[in-house]
């Protein structure tokens, strides 16, 4: 079961637990506001919705129907959305930290009380960025390589990149470098591609992937 489906089930459980329970939701109906006598169940994209009758039974089977209705709409609106699953199957990617212990606690005025939806969205979005980074890392085309070289050819699964050691002095650059500086040096030289701007989505994703693969390693900037 993918992360979006897990989130849909979480949302369903929360919505159904709030009221008493008998009909299945209509997958075709996706209004922005609730229909009288029903409640709106929303997917984590904050757009995809289904209407659930207030008297719908609180059973796992009915919950699955709601989840399926949400996912059917989302997949129709997002063709080719299985890229995350495909990339994870092709290249093992370390998952983000589990923040479930924060559910029900306060996180100041920034978040208010943390909900299961908050935790799942944080995980989904963070993981998605790392997975996209893996896609770029393993593709000469994504890196704009003139010679079909990709990062993984020298650094399988981001090995020997040591993001935890940055910033540090890099002889190749003749100065103290951040991780993104070294990524660009590699793109420009062994990969023979075009350097990325610091805020380029590909650069952000590459950093996310490389750091993700070193999860659990202590920071030690400047280490050679």
N, C-alpha and C. Protein backbone atom coordinates (compact mmCIF):
# COMPACT_ATOMS: atom_id res chain seq x y z
N UNK A 1 0.85 -1.19 0.00
CA UNK A 1 0.00 0.00 0.00
C UNK A 1 0.89 1.24 0.00
N UNK A 2 0.65 2.16 -0.95
CA UNK A 2 1.51 3.33 -1.01
C UNK A 2 1.15 4.36 0.05
N UNK A 3 2.02 5.38 0.19
CA UNK A 3 1.84 6.36 1.26
C UNK A 3 0.54 7.13 1.13
N UNK A 4 0.15 7.48 -0.11
CA UNK A 4 -1.08 8.26 -0.29
C UNK A 4 -2.29 7.45 0.16
N UNK A 5 -2.26 6.13 -0.11
CA UNK A 5 -3.40 5.31 0.30
C UNK A 5 -3.45 5.19 1.81
N UNK A 6 -2.28 5.07 2.43
CA UNK A 6 -2.24 5.03 3.89
C UNK A 6 -2.84 6.30 4.46
N UNK A 7 -2.46 7.45 3.88
CA UNK A 7 -2.99 8.72 4.36
C UNK A 7 -4.49 8.80 4.16
N UNK A 8 -4.96 8.31 3.03
CA UNK A 8 -6.40 8.34 2.79
C UNK A 8 -7.14 7.57 3.87
N UNK A 9 -6.60 6.43 4.27
CA UNK A 9 -7.24 5.64 5.31
C UNK A 9 -7.23 6.36 6.64
N UNK A 10 -6.15 7.07 6.93
CA UNK A 10 -6.08 7.85 8.17
C UNK A 10 -7.17 8.91 8.18
N UNK A 11 -7.30 9.62 7.06
CA UNK A 11 -8.31 10.67 6.96
C UNK A 11 -9.71 10.10 7.10
N UNK A 12 -9.91 8.95 6.49
CA UNK A 12 -11.21 8.30 6.55
C UNK A 12 -11.57 7.95 7.99
N UNK A 13 -10.63 7.37 8.71
CA UNK A 13 -10.89 6.97 10.09
C UNK A 13 -11.27 8.17 10.94
N UNK A 14 -10.56 9.29 10.74
CA UNK A 14 -10.85 10.49 11.51
C UNK A 14 -12.23 11.03 11.21
N UNK A 15 -12.59 11.04 9.92
CA UNK A 15 -13.88 11.60 9.52
C UNK A 15 -15.03 10.75 10.02
N UNK A 16 -14.90 9.42 9.90
CA UNK A 16 -16.00 8.55 10.29
C UNK A 16 -16.17 8.47 11.80
N UNK A 17 -15.07 8.61 12.53
CA UNK A 17 -15.15 8.52 13.99
C UNK A 17 -15.86 9.71 14.58
N UNK A 18 -15.97 10.81 13.85
CA UNK A 18 -16.55 12.04 14.38
C UNK A 18 -18.07 11.99 14.42
N UNK A 19 -18.70 11.07 13.68
CA UNK A 19 -20.16 11.06 13.62
C UNK A 19 -20.69 9.64 13.72
N UNK A 20 -22.04 9.53 13.86
CA UNK A 20 -22.65 8.21 13.82
C UNK A 20 -22.65 7.72 12.39
N UNK A 21 -23.08 6.49 12.12
CA UNK A 21 -22.88 5.92 10.80
C UNK A 21 -24.06 5.81 9.89
N UNK A 22 -24.47 4.88 6.02
CA UNK A 22 -24.82 3.61 5.64
C UNK A 22 -24.70 3.56 4.20
N UNK A 23 -24.41 4.35 3.53
CA UNK A 23 -24.27 4.16 2.11
C UNK A 23 -22.82 4.38 1.75
N UNK A 24 -22.45 3.89 0.56
CA UNK A 24 -21.09 4.11 0.08
C UNK A 24 -20.96 5.51 -0.48
N UNK A 25 -19.75 6.11 -0.43
CA UNK A 25 -19.57 7.43 -1.02
C UNK A 25 -19.65 7.37 -2.52
N UNK A 26 -19.94 8.49 -3.12
CA UNK A 26 -19.99 8.56 -4.58
C UNK A 26 -18.64 9.01 -5.12
N UNK A 27 -17.91 8.13 -5.83
CA UNK A 27 -16.60 8.50 -6.35
C UNK A 27 -16.66 9.66 -7.33
N UNK A 28 -17.81 9.86 -7.99
CA UNK A 28 -17.89 10.92 -8.99
C UNK A 28 -18.04 12.30 -8.36
N UNK A 29 -18.45 12.36 -7.13
CA UNK A 29 -18.78 13.64 -6.52
C UNK A 29 -17.58 14.19 -5.79
N UNK A 30 -17.12 15.38 -6.16
CA UNK A 30 -15.94 15.96 -5.53
C UNK A 30 -16.09 17.46 -5.36
N UNK A 31 -17.14 17.90 -4.63
CA UNK A 31 -17.35 19.33 -4.48
C UNK A 31 -16.42 19.92 -3.44
N UNK A 32 -16.28 21.24 -3.45
CA UNK A 32 -15.42 21.92 -2.49
C UNK A 32 -16.09 22.03 -1.14
N UNK A 33 -17.44 22.05 -1.11
CA UNK A 33 -18.16 22.17 0.15
C UNK A 33 -19.05 20.95 0.36
N UNK A 34 -19.34 20.67 1.62
CA UNK A 34 -20.11 19.47 1.95
C UNK A 34 -21.55 19.58 1.49
N UNK A 35 -22.12 18.46 1.09
CA UNK A 35 -23.53 18.37 0.75
C UNK A 35 -24.29 18.15 2.05
N UNK A 36 -25.47 18.80 2.23
CA UNK A 36 -26.25 18.59 3.46
C UNK A 36 -26.45 17.11 3.75
N UNK A 37 -26.25 16.74 4.99
CA UNK A 37 -26.41 15.35 5.38
C UNK A 37 -25.19 14.50 5.14
N UNK A 38 -24.09 15.14 4.76
CA UNK A 38 -22.86 14.38 4.50
C UNK A 38 -21.66 15.18 4.99
N UNK A 39 -20.52 14.54 4.98
CA UNK A 39 -19.27 15.20 5.33
C UNK A 39 -18.28 15.03 4.18
N UNK A 40 -17.36 15.97 4.07
CA UNK A 40 -16.34 15.92 3.02
C UNK A 40 -15.08 15.28 3.56
N UNK A 41 -14.60 14.26 2.87
CA UNK A 41 -13.32 13.64 3.21
C UNK A 41 -12.31 14.05 2.15
N UNK A 42 -11.20 14.61 2.59
CA UNK A 42 -10.23 15.21 1.68
C UNK A 42 -8.90 14.44 1.70
N UNK A 43 -8.31 14.28 0.53
CA UNK A 43 -7.00 13.65 0.41
C UNK A 43 -5.93 14.66 0.78
N UNK A 44 -4.68 14.19 0.96
CA UNK A 44 -3.62 15.08 1.43
C UNK A 44 -3.21 16.13 0.41
N UNK A 45 -3.65 16.01 -0.85
CA UNK A 45 -3.34 17.06 -1.81
C UNK A 45 -4.19 18.31 -1.58
N UNK A 46 -5.13 18.22 -0.63
CA UNK A 46 -6.01 19.33 -0.26
C UNK A 46 -6.98 19.71 -1.37
N UNK A 47 -7.15 18.83 -2.36
CA UNK A 47 -8.04 19.11 -3.48
C UNK A 47 -9.04 17.97 -3.71
N UNK A 48 -8.55 16.75 -3.70
CA UNK A 48 -9.39 15.60 -4.01
C UNK A 48 -10.31 15.28 -2.84
N UNK A 49 -11.62 15.21 -3.09
CA UNK A 49 -12.59 14.95 -2.03
C UNK A 49 -13.66 13.98 -2.46
N UNK A 50 -14.30 13.35 -1.48
CA UNK A 50 -15.53 12.60 -1.70
C UNK A 50 -16.50 12.98 -0.59
N UNK A 51 -17.79 12.85 -0.89
CA UNK A 51 -18.83 13.10 0.09
C UNK A 51 -19.25 11.78 0.73
N UNK A 52 -19.27 11.77 2.05
CA UNK A 52 -19.64 10.56 2.80
C UNK A 52 -20.89 10.85 3.61
N UNK A 53 -21.97 10.08 3.43
CA UNK A 53 -23.19 10.31 4.22
C UNK A 53 -22.89 10.25 5.71
N UNK A 54 -23.54 11.12 6.46
CA UNK A 54 -23.31 11.15 7.90
C UNK A 54 -23.66 9.84 8.58
N UNK A 55 -24.58 9.06 7.97
CA UNK A 55 -24.98 7.80 8.58
C UNK A 55 -24.23 6.61 8.00
N UNK A 56 -23.10 6.87 7.31
CA UNK A 56 -22.31 5.77 6.74
C UNK A 56 -21.76 4.88 7.85
N UNK A 57 -21.81 3.56 7.71
CA UNK A 57 -21.32 2.67 8.76
C UNK A 57 -19.80 2.77 8.92
N UNK A 58 -19.36 2.69 10.16
CA UNK A 58 -17.93 2.77 10.45
C UNK A 58 -17.32 1.38 10.40
N UNK A 59 -17.13 0.88 9.20
CA UNK A 59 -16.52 -0.44 9.01
C UNK A 59 -15.29 -0.30 8.13
N UNK A 60 -14.39 -1.24 8.23
CA UNK A 60 -13.18 -1.20 7.40
C UNK A 60 -13.52 -1.28 5.91
N UNK A 61 -14.54 -2.08 5.58
CA UNK A 61 -14.93 -2.22 4.18
C UNK A 61 -15.40 -0.89 3.61
N UNK A 62 -16.20 -0.15 4.39
CA UNK A 62 -16.66 1.15 3.92
C UNK A 62 -15.50 2.14 3.85
N UNK A 63 -14.60 2.05 4.82
CA UNK A 63 -13.42 2.90 4.78
C UNK A 63 -12.59 2.66 3.54
N UNK A 64 -12.46 1.38 3.14
CA UNK A 64 -11.70 1.05 1.94
C UNK A 64 -12.36 1.62 0.70
N UNK A 65 -13.70 1.62 0.67
CA UNK A 65 -14.41 2.20 -0.48
C UNK A 65 -14.11 3.70 -0.60
N UNK A 66 -14.08 4.36 0.56
CA UNK A 66 -13.78 5.80 0.55
C UNK A 66 -12.36 6.04 0.05
N UNK A 67 -11.43 5.25 0.58
CA UNK A 67 -10.03 5.37 0.15
C UNK A 67 -9.90 5.12 -1.34
N UNK A 68 -10.58 4.06 -1.84
CA UNK A 68 -10.50 3.74 -3.27
C UNK A 68 -11.08 4.86 -4.12
N UNK A 69 -12.17 5.47 -3.64
CA UNK A 69 -12.79 6.57 -4.39
C UNK A 69 -11.85 7.76 -4.48
N UNK A 70 -11.19 8.08 -3.36
CA UNK A 70 -10.23 9.18 -3.35
C UNK A 70 -9.06 8.90 -4.30
N UNK A 71 -8.50 7.70 -4.19
CA UNK A 71 -7.34 7.37 -5.00
C UNK A 71 -7.68 7.28 -6.48
N UNK A 72 -8.88 6.81 -6.81
CA UNK A 72 -9.28 6.74 -8.22
C UNK A 72 -9.31 8.14 -8.83
N UNK A 73 -9.85 9.10 -8.08
CA UNK A 73 -9.87 10.48 -8.57
C UNK A 73 -8.47 11.04 -8.71
N UNK A 74 -7.64 10.78 -7.69
CA UNK A 74 -6.28 11.33 -7.71
C UNK A 74 -5.48 10.77 -8.88
N UNK A 75 -5.59 9.47 -9.11
CA UNK A 75 -4.84 8.84 -10.20
C UNK A 75 -5.31 9.34 -11.56
N UNK A 76 -6.62 9.57 -11.68
CA UNK A 76 -7.15 10.09 -12.95
C UNK A 76 -6.60 11.49 -13.23
N UNK A 77 -6.46 12.28 -12.18
CA UNK A 77 -5.95 13.65 -12.34
C UNK A 77 -4.42 13.70 -12.40
N UNK A 78 -3.76 12.59 -12.05
CA UNK A 78 -2.29 12.57 -12.03
C UNK A 78 -1.76 11.34 -12.75
N UNK A 79 -1.92 11.31 -14.08
CA UNK A 79 -1.43 10.15 -14.83
C UNK A 79 0.08 10.01 -14.67
N UNK A 80 0.55 8.78 -14.61
CA UNK A 80 1.97 8.55 -14.44
C UNK A 80 2.44 8.78 -13.02
N UNK A 81 1.51 8.74 -12.06
CA UNK A 81 1.85 9.05 -10.67
C UNK A 81 2.57 7.92 -9.95
N UNK A 82 2.77 6.79 -10.61
CA UNK A 82 3.46 5.67 -9.97
C UNK A 82 4.98 5.81 -10.03
N UNK A 83 5.48 6.98 -10.42
CA UNK A 83 6.93 7.14 -10.54
C UNK A 83 7.63 6.96 -9.21
N UNK A 84 6.97 7.36 -8.11
CA UNK A 84 7.61 7.21 -6.80
C UNK A 84 7.81 5.73 -6.49
N UNK A 85 6.76 4.94 -6.65
CA UNK A 85 6.85 3.51 -6.37
C UNK A 85 7.89 2.86 -7.28
N UNK A 86 7.90 3.24 -8.55
CA UNK A 86 8.84 2.65 -9.50
C UNK A 86 10.29 2.97 -9.12
N UNK A 87 10.53 4.21 -8.71
CA UNK A 87 11.90 4.60 -8.34
C UNK A 87 12.35 3.91 -7.06
N UNK A 88 11.44 3.78 -6.10
CA UNK A 88 11.78 3.10 -4.85
C UNK A 88 12.11 1.64 -5.11
N UNK A 89 11.36 1.01 -6.01
CA UNK A 89 11.62 -0.40 -6.34
C UNK A 89 12.95 -0.56 -7.07
N UNK A 90 13.31 0.44 -7.88
CA UNK A 90 14.55 0.36 -8.64
C UNK A 90 15.78 0.66 -7.80
N UNK A 91 15.65 1.61 -6.87
CA UNK A 91 16.78 2.04 -6.06
C UNK A 91 16.32 2.26 -4.62
N UNK A 92 16.84 1.47 -3.73
CA UNK A 92 16.42 1.57 -2.33
C UNK A 92 16.71 2.96 -1.79
N UNK A 93 15.69 3.58 -1.20
CA UNK A 93 15.81 4.95 -0.67
C UNK A 93 15.40 4.94 0.79
N UNK A 94 16.25 5.46 1.64
CA UNK A 94 16.00 5.46 3.08
C UNK A 94 14.80 6.36 3.39
N UNK A 95 13.92 5.89 4.25
CA UNK A 95 12.72 6.64 4.59
C UNK A 95 13.00 7.72 5.64
N UNK A 96 12.16 8.77 5.70
CA UNK A 96 12.36 9.84 6.68
C UNK A 96 12.09 9.36 8.11
N UNK A 97 12.43 10.21 9.07
CA UNK A 97 12.20 9.91 10.48
C UNK A 97 10.71 9.75 10.76
N UNK A 98 10.39 8.93 11.76
CA UNK A 98 9.01 8.72 12.18
C UNK A 98 8.66 9.77 13.24
N UNK A 99 7.73 10.66 12.90
CA UNK A 99 7.32 11.73 13.81
C UNK A 99 5.99 11.45 14.50
N UNK A 100 5.55 10.19 14.48
CA UNK A 100 4.23 9.87 15.02
C UNK A 100 4.13 10.17 16.51
N UNK A 101 5.25 10.19 17.23
CA UNK A 101 5.20 10.47 18.66
C UNK A 101 4.75 11.91 18.94
N UNK A 102 4.76 12.76 17.90
CA UNK A 102 4.34 14.15 18.08
C UNK A 102 2.83 14.34 17.97
N UNK A 103 2.11 13.29 17.51
CA UNK A 103 0.66 13.41 17.33
C UNK A 103 0.00 13.75 18.66
N UNK A 104 -0.83 14.79 18.63
CA UNK A 104 -1.53 15.21 19.83
C UNK A 104 -0.79 16.21 20.68
N UNK A 105 0.47 16.49 20.32
CA UNK A 105 1.25 17.47 21.07
C UNK A 105 1.17 18.82 20.39
N UNK A 106 1.57 19.86 21.09
CA UNK A 106 1.59 21.20 20.52
C UNK A 106 2.96 21.53 19.98
N UNK A 107 2.99 22.17 18.83
CA UNK A 107 4.25 22.58 18.20
C UNK A 107 4.24 24.09 18.04
N UNK A 108 3.90 24.80 19.10
CA UNK A 108 3.82 26.26 19.11
C UNK A 108 2.79 26.75 18.11
N UNK A 109 2.84 28.02 17.76
CA UNK A 109 1.83 28.60 16.86
C UNK A 109 2.03 28.17 15.42
N UNK A 110 3.18 27.56 15.12
CA UNK A 110 3.45 27.16 13.74
C UNK A 110 2.51 26.05 13.28
N UNK A 111 2.32 25.02 14.11
CA UNK A 111 1.51 23.88 13.72
C UNK A 111 0.24 23.72 14.54
N UNK A 112 0.22 24.26 15.75
CA UNK A 112 -0.90 23.96 16.63
C UNK A 112 -0.75 22.52 17.10
N UNK A 113 -1.87 21.84 17.32
CA UNK A 113 -1.81 20.43 17.72
C UNK A 113 -1.51 19.56 16.52
N UNK A 114 -0.51 18.72 16.64
CA UNK A 114 -0.09 17.87 15.53
C UNK A 114 -1.10 16.74 15.33
N UNK A 115 -1.53 16.53 14.10
CA UNK A 115 -2.51 15.50 13.77
C UNK A 115 -1.84 14.38 12.97
N UNK A 116 -2.50 13.22 12.88
CA UNK A 116 -1.96 12.15 12.02
C UNK A 116 -1.76 12.62 10.59
N UNK A 117 -2.66 13.50 10.11
CA UNK A 117 -2.52 14.02 8.75
C UNK A 117 -1.24 14.84 8.62
N UNK A 118 -0.93 15.67 9.63
CA UNK A 118 0.31 16.46 9.59
C UNK A 118 1.51 15.54 9.42
N UNK A 119 1.58 14.53 10.27
CA UNK A 119 2.74 13.63 10.27
C UNK A 119 2.87 12.91 8.94
N UNK A 120 1.74 12.47 8.37
CA UNK A 120 1.79 11.75 7.10
C UNK A 120 2.20 12.67 5.96
N UNK A 121 1.68 13.89 5.96
CA UNK A 121 2.06 14.85 4.91
C UNK A 121 3.55 15.17 4.99
N UNK A 122 4.06 15.40 6.21
CA UNK A 122 5.50 15.67 6.36
C UNK A 122 6.32 14.53 5.76
N UNK A 123 5.92 13.30 6.10
CA UNK A 123 6.67 12.14 5.61
C UNK A 123 6.56 12.01 4.10
N UNK A 124 5.32 12.12 3.58
CA UNK A 124 5.11 11.95 2.13
C UNK A 124 5.93 12.96 1.32
N UNK A 125 5.84 14.24 1.71
CA UNK A 125 6.49 15.28 0.92
C UNK A 125 8.01 15.19 1.02
N UNK A 126 8.52 14.87 2.20
CA UNK A 126 9.97 14.74 2.37
C UNK A 126 10.49 13.55 1.58
N UNK A 127 9.79 12.43 1.69
CA UNK A 127 10.21 11.23 0.99
C UNK A 127 10.14 11.43 -0.52
N UNK A 128 9.10 12.12 -0.98
CA UNK A 128 8.93 12.36 -2.42
C UNK A 128 10.11 13.16 -2.96
N UNK A 129 10.60 14.13 -2.18
CA UNK A 129 11.74 14.92 -2.65
C UNK A 129 13.00 14.04 -2.74
N UNK A 130 13.22 13.19 -1.73
CA UNK A 130 14.38 12.29 -1.76
C UNK A 130 14.28 11.31 -2.94
N UNK A 131 13.07 10.83 -3.21
CA UNK A 131 12.87 9.90 -4.32
C UNK A 131 13.15 10.60 -5.66
N UNK A 132 12.69 11.84 -5.79
CA UNK A 132 13.00 12.59 -7.01
C UNK A 132 14.51 12.78 -7.14
N UNK A 133 15.18 13.03 -6.03
CA UNK A 133 16.63 13.15 -6.06
C UNK A 133 17.29 11.88 -6.55
N UNK A 134 16.74 10.73 -6.16
CA UNK A 134 17.26 9.45 -6.64
C UNK A 134 17.09 9.34 -8.16
N UNK A 135 15.95 9.80 -8.64
CA UNK A 135 15.70 9.78 -10.09
C UNK A 135 16.75 10.58 -10.84
N UNK A 136 17.05 11.78 -10.35
CA UNK A 136 18.06 12.63 -11.00
C UNK A 136 19.44 12.01 -10.85
N UNK A 137 19.75 11.52 -9.66
CA UNK A 137 21.06 10.94 -9.34
C UNK A 137 21.41 9.78 -10.27
N UNK A 138 20.40 9.02 -10.67
CA UNK A 138 20.61 7.82 -11.48
C UNK A 138 20.39 8.05 -12.98
N UNK A 139 20.27 9.31 -13.40
CA UNK A 139 19.95 9.57 -14.81
C UNK A 139 20.87 10.61 -15.43
N UNK A 140 21.64 10.19 -16.42
CA UNK A 140 22.46 11.14 -17.16
C UNK A 140 21.62 12.16 -17.90
N UNK A 141 20.46 11.74 -18.37
CA UNK A 141 19.56 12.67 -19.07
C UNK A 141 19.07 13.76 -18.12
N UNK A 142 18.64 13.37 -16.91
CA UNK A 142 18.17 14.37 -15.94
C UNK A 142 19.28 15.34 -15.57
N UNK A 143 20.51 14.86 -15.56
CA UNK A 143 21.66 15.69 -15.20
C UNK A 143 22.19 16.49 -16.38
N UNK A 144 21.63 16.26 -17.56
CA UNK A 144 22.09 16.97 -18.75
C UNK A 144 23.46 16.54 -19.21
N UNK A 145 23.83 15.30 -18.94
CA UNK A 145 25.16 14.81 -19.31
C UNK A 145 25.34 14.72 -20.82
N UNK A 146 26.50 15.18 -21.28
CA UNK A 146 26.83 15.08 -22.71
C UNK A 146 27.39 13.71 -23.06
N UNK A 147 27.71 12.92 -22.02
CA UNK A 147 28.39 11.64 -22.26
C UNK A 147 27.66 10.47 -21.58
N UNK A 148 26.41 10.69 -21.19
CA UNK A 148 25.57 9.64 -20.59
C UNK A 148 26.10 9.12 -19.26
N UNK A 149 26.78 9.98 -18.52
CA UNK A 149 27.28 9.62 -17.19
C UNK A 149 26.31 10.13 -16.13
N UNK A 150 26.04 9.31 -15.13
CA UNK A 150 25.18 9.72 -14.01
C UNK A 150 25.95 9.57 -12.70
N UNK A 151 25.46 10.20 -11.66
CA UNK A 151 26.17 10.23 -10.36
C UNK A 151 26.41 8.85 -9.79
N UNK A 152 25.43 7.94 -9.96
CA UNK A 152 25.53 6.62 -9.34
C UNK A 152 26.64 5.77 -9.93
N UNK A 153 27.17 6.15 -11.09
CA UNK A 153 28.23 5.36 -11.70
C UNK A 153 29.51 5.42 -10.88
N UNK A 154 29.70 6.51 -10.16
CA UNK A 154 30.84 6.63 -9.24
C UNK A 154 30.43 6.46 -7.79
N UNK A 155 29.14 6.73 -7.51
CA UNK A 155 28.64 6.71 -6.14
C UNK A 155 27.36 5.88 -6.05
N UNK A 156 27.45 4.56 -6.19
CA UNK A 156 26.23 3.75 -6.10
C UNK A 156 25.53 3.96 -4.77
N UNK A 157 24.20 4.24 -4.86
CA UNK A 157 23.38 4.52 -3.67
C UNK A 157 23.98 5.66 -2.85
N UNK A 158 24.60 6.61 -3.53
CA UNK A 158 25.18 7.81 -2.90
C UNK A 158 26.35 7.49 -1.98
N UNK A 159 27.01 6.36 -2.20
CA UNK A 159 28.16 5.98 -1.38
C UNK A 159 29.31 6.97 -1.57
N UNK A 160 30.07 7.17 -0.51
CA UNK A 160 31.27 8.02 -0.53
C UNK A 160 30.98 9.47 -0.91
N UNK A 161 29.79 9.94 -0.55
CA UNK A 161 29.46 11.36 -0.76
C UNK A 161 29.60 12.14 0.55
N UNK A 162 29.38 11.50 1.68
CA UNK A 162 29.60 12.06 3.01
C UNK A 162 29.00 13.46 3.20
N UNK A 163 27.70 13.60 3.04
CA UNK A 163 27.07 14.92 3.23
C UNK A 163 27.23 15.44 4.65
N UNK A 164 27.41 14.52 5.60
CA UNK A 164 27.54 14.94 7.00
C UNK A 164 28.85 15.68 7.28
N UNK A 165 29.79 15.64 6.33
CA UNK A 165 31.10 16.28 6.55
C UNK A 165 31.20 17.70 6.00
N UNK A 166 30.11 18.18 5.37
CA UNK A 166 30.11 19.54 4.83
C UNK A 166 29.53 20.52 5.84
N UNK A 167 30.01 21.79 5.78
CA UNK A 167 31.02 22.36 4.90
C UNK A 167 32.44 21.89 5.25
N UNK A 168 33.28 21.86 4.22
CA UNK A 168 34.69 21.49 4.41
C UNK A 168 35.51 22.03 3.25
N UNK A 169 36.81 22.12 3.45
CA UNK A 169 37.69 22.61 2.39
C UNK A 169 37.82 21.55 1.32
N UNK A 170 37.57 21.94 0.08
CA UNK A 170 37.68 21.03 -1.05
C UNK A 170 38.81 21.48 -1.97
N UNK A 171 39.89 20.68 -2.08
CA UNK A 171 41.02 21.06 -2.93
C UNK A 171 40.61 21.32 -4.37
N UNK A 172 39.61 20.56 -4.87
CA UNK A 172 39.20 20.76 -6.26
C UNK A 172 38.70 22.18 -6.51
N UNK A 173 38.07 22.76 -5.48
CA UNK A 173 37.51 24.11 -5.62
C UNK A 173 38.45 25.17 -5.06
N UNK A 174 39.38 24.75 -4.21
CA UNK A 174 40.30 25.70 -3.60
C UNK A 174 39.65 26.57 -2.54
N UNK A 175 38.57 26.10 -1.96
CA UNK A 175 37.85 26.87 -0.94
C UNK A 175 36.95 25.95 -0.13
N UNK A 176 36.36 26.52 0.93
CA UNK A 176 35.39 25.77 1.70
C UNK A 176 34.11 25.61 0.86
N UNK A 177 33.62 24.40 0.81
CA UNK A 177 32.47 24.11 -0.04
C UNK A 177 31.30 23.57 0.77
N UNK A 178 30.10 23.86 0.30
CA UNK A 178 28.89 23.22 0.78
C UNK A 178 28.64 21.98 -0.08
N UNK A 179 27.74 21.13 0.36
CA UNK A 179 27.43 19.92 -0.41
C UNK A 179 27.02 20.28 -1.83
N UNK A 180 26.20 21.31 -1.98
CA UNK A 180 25.73 21.67 -3.32
C UNK A 180 26.86 22.13 -4.22
N UNK A 181 27.92 22.72 -3.64
CA UNK A 181 29.08 23.13 -4.44
C UNK A 181 29.77 21.91 -5.03
N UNK A 182 29.89 20.87 -4.23
CA UNK A 182 30.56 19.66 -4.72
C UNK A 182 29.69 18.91 -5.71
N UNK A 183 28.37 18.95 -5.48
CA UNK A 183 27.46 18.34 -6.46
C UNK A 183 27.65 19.02 -7.81
N UNK A 184 27.70 20.34 -7.84
CA UNK A 184 27.87 21.06 -9.09
C UNK A 184 29.22 20.78 -9.72
N UNK A 185 30.26 20.64 -8.90
CA UNK A 185 31.58 20.33 -9.46
C UNK A 185 31.53 18.98 -10.18
N UNK A 186 30.86 18.01 -9.56
CA UNK A 186 30.74 16.69 -10.18
C UNK A 186 29.88 16.73 -11.45
N UNK A 187 28.81 17.52 -11.41
CA UNK A 187 27.97 17.65 -12.60
C UNK A 187 28.78 18.27 -13.75
N UNK A 188 29.58 19.26 -13.43
CA UNK A 188 30.33 19.97 -14.46
C UNK A 188 31.47 19.14 -15.03
N UNK A 189 32.11 18.32 -14.21
CA UNK A 189 33.32 17.61 -14.65
C UNK A 189 33.09 16.14 -15.02
N UNK A 190 32.97 15.21 -14.06
CA UNK A 190 32.77 13.83 -14.51
C UNK A 190 31.48 13.61 -15.30
N UNK A 191 30.40 14.28 -14.90
CA UNK A 191 29.11 14.09 -15.58
C UNK A 191 29.07 14.84 -16.91
N UNK A 192 29.78 15.95 -16.99
CA UNK A 192 29.78 16.81 -18.17
C UNK A 192 28.37 17.32 -18.47
N UNK A 193 27.74 17.87 -17.40
CA UNK A 193 26.44 18.48 -17.55
C UNK A 193 26.52 19.96 -17.20
N UNK A 194 25.38 20.61 -17.10
CA UNK A 194 25.33 22.03 -16.76
C UNK A 194 25.06 22.19 -15.26
N UNK A 195 25.80 23.09 -14.62
CA UNK A 195 25.64 23.31 -13.19
C UNK A 195 24.22 23.79 -12.89
N UNK A 196 23.78 23.51 -11.68
CA UNK A 196 22.43 23.85 -11.24
C UNK A 196 22.46 25.05 -10.30
N UNK A 197 21.46 25.89 -10.39
CA UNK A 197 21.32 26.99 -9.44
C UNK A 197 21.00 26.41 -8.07
N UNK A 198 21.37 27.13 -6.99
CA UNK A 198 21.15 26.59 -5.65
C UNK A 198 19.71 26.21 -5.35
N UNK A 199 18.74 26.96 -5.91
CA UNK A 199 17.34 26.68 -5.61
C UNK A 199 16.66 25.87 -6.71
N UNK A 200 17.44 25.34 -7.64
CA UNK A 200 16.86 24.49 -8.68
C UNK A 200 16.24 23.24 -8.02
N UNK A 201 15.02 22.86 -8.42
CA UNK A 201 14.39 21.68 -7.83
C UNK A 201 15.27 20.43 -7.90
N UNK A 202 16.06 20.31 -8.95
CA UNK A 202 16.94 19.14 -9.07
C UNK A 202 18.06 19.19 -8.04
N UNK A 203 18.61 20.37 -7.80
CA UNK A 203 19.66 20.50 -6.79
C UNK A 203 19.10 20.19 -5.40
N UNK A 204 17.94 20.74 -5.09
CA UNK A 204 17.32 20.49 -3.78
C UNK A 204 17.04 18.99 -3.61
N UNK A 205 16.57 18.36 -4.68
CA UNK A 205 16.26 16.93 -4.61
C UNK A 205 17.53 16.09 -4.48
N UNK A 206 18.57 16.46 -5.20
CA UNK A 206 19.84 15.73 -5.08
C UNK A 206 20.38 15.80 -3.66
N UNK A 207 20.35 16.99 -3.07
CA UNK A 207 20.79 17.12 -1.68
C UNK A 207 19.94 16.26 -0.75
N UNK A 208 18.63 16.27 -0.97
CA UNK A 208 17.73 15.49 -0.13
C UNK A 208 18.05 14.00 -0.22
N UNK A 209 18.27 13.51 -1.42
CA UNK A 209 18.57 12.09 -1.61
C UNK A 209 19.90 11.70 -0.98
N UNK A 210 20.93 12.49 -1.23
CA UNK A 210 22.26 12.17 -0.70
C UNK A 210 22.25 12.18 0.83
N UNK A 211 21.59 13.18 1.41
CA UNK A 211 21.51 13.24 2.88
C UNK A 211 20.67 12.09 3.42
N UNK A 212 19.57 11.76 2.73
CA UNK A 212 18.71 10.67 3.17
C UNK A 212 19.47 9.36 3.26
N UNK A 213 20.34 9.12 2.30
CA UNK A 213 21.07 7.85 2.27
C UNK A 213 22.09 7.74 3.41
N UNK A 214 22.37 8.83 4.11
CA UNK A 214 23.31 8.80 5.24
C UNK A 214 22.57 8.99 6.56
N UNK A 215 21.29 8.69 6.57
CA UNK A 215 20.47 8.84 7.78
C UNK A 215 21.13 8.10 8.95
N UNK A 216 21.19 8.79 10.08
CA UNK A 216 21.74 8.19 11.29
C UNK A 216 23.21 8.45 11.51
N UNK A 217 23.91 8.99 10.50
CA UNK A 217 25.35 9.29 10.64
C UNK A 217 25.49 10.65 11.29
N UNK A 218 26.34 10.77 12.28
CA UNK A 218 26.50 12.02 13.03
C UNK A 218 27.13 13.10 12.17
N UNK A 219 26.65 14.34 12.35
CA UNK A 219 27.26 15.48 11.68
C UNK A 219 28.69 15.68 12.19
N UNK A 220 29.60 15.97 11.27
CA UNK A 220 31.01 16.22 11.67
C UNK A 220 31.65 17.08 10.59
N UNK A 221 31.20 18.34 10.53
CA UNK A 221 31.63 19.21 9.44
C UNK A 221 33.14 19.41 9.44
N UNK A 222 33.68 19.46 8.23
CA UNK A 222 35.12 19.63 8.07
C UNK A 222 35.90 18.34 8.05
N UNK A 223 35.24 17.21 8.29
CA UNK A 223 35.96 15.93 8.35
C UNK A 223 36.44 15.48 6.99
N UNK A 224 37.68 15.03 6.93
CA UNK A 224 38.25 14.53 5.68
C UNK A 224 38.21 13.01 5.67
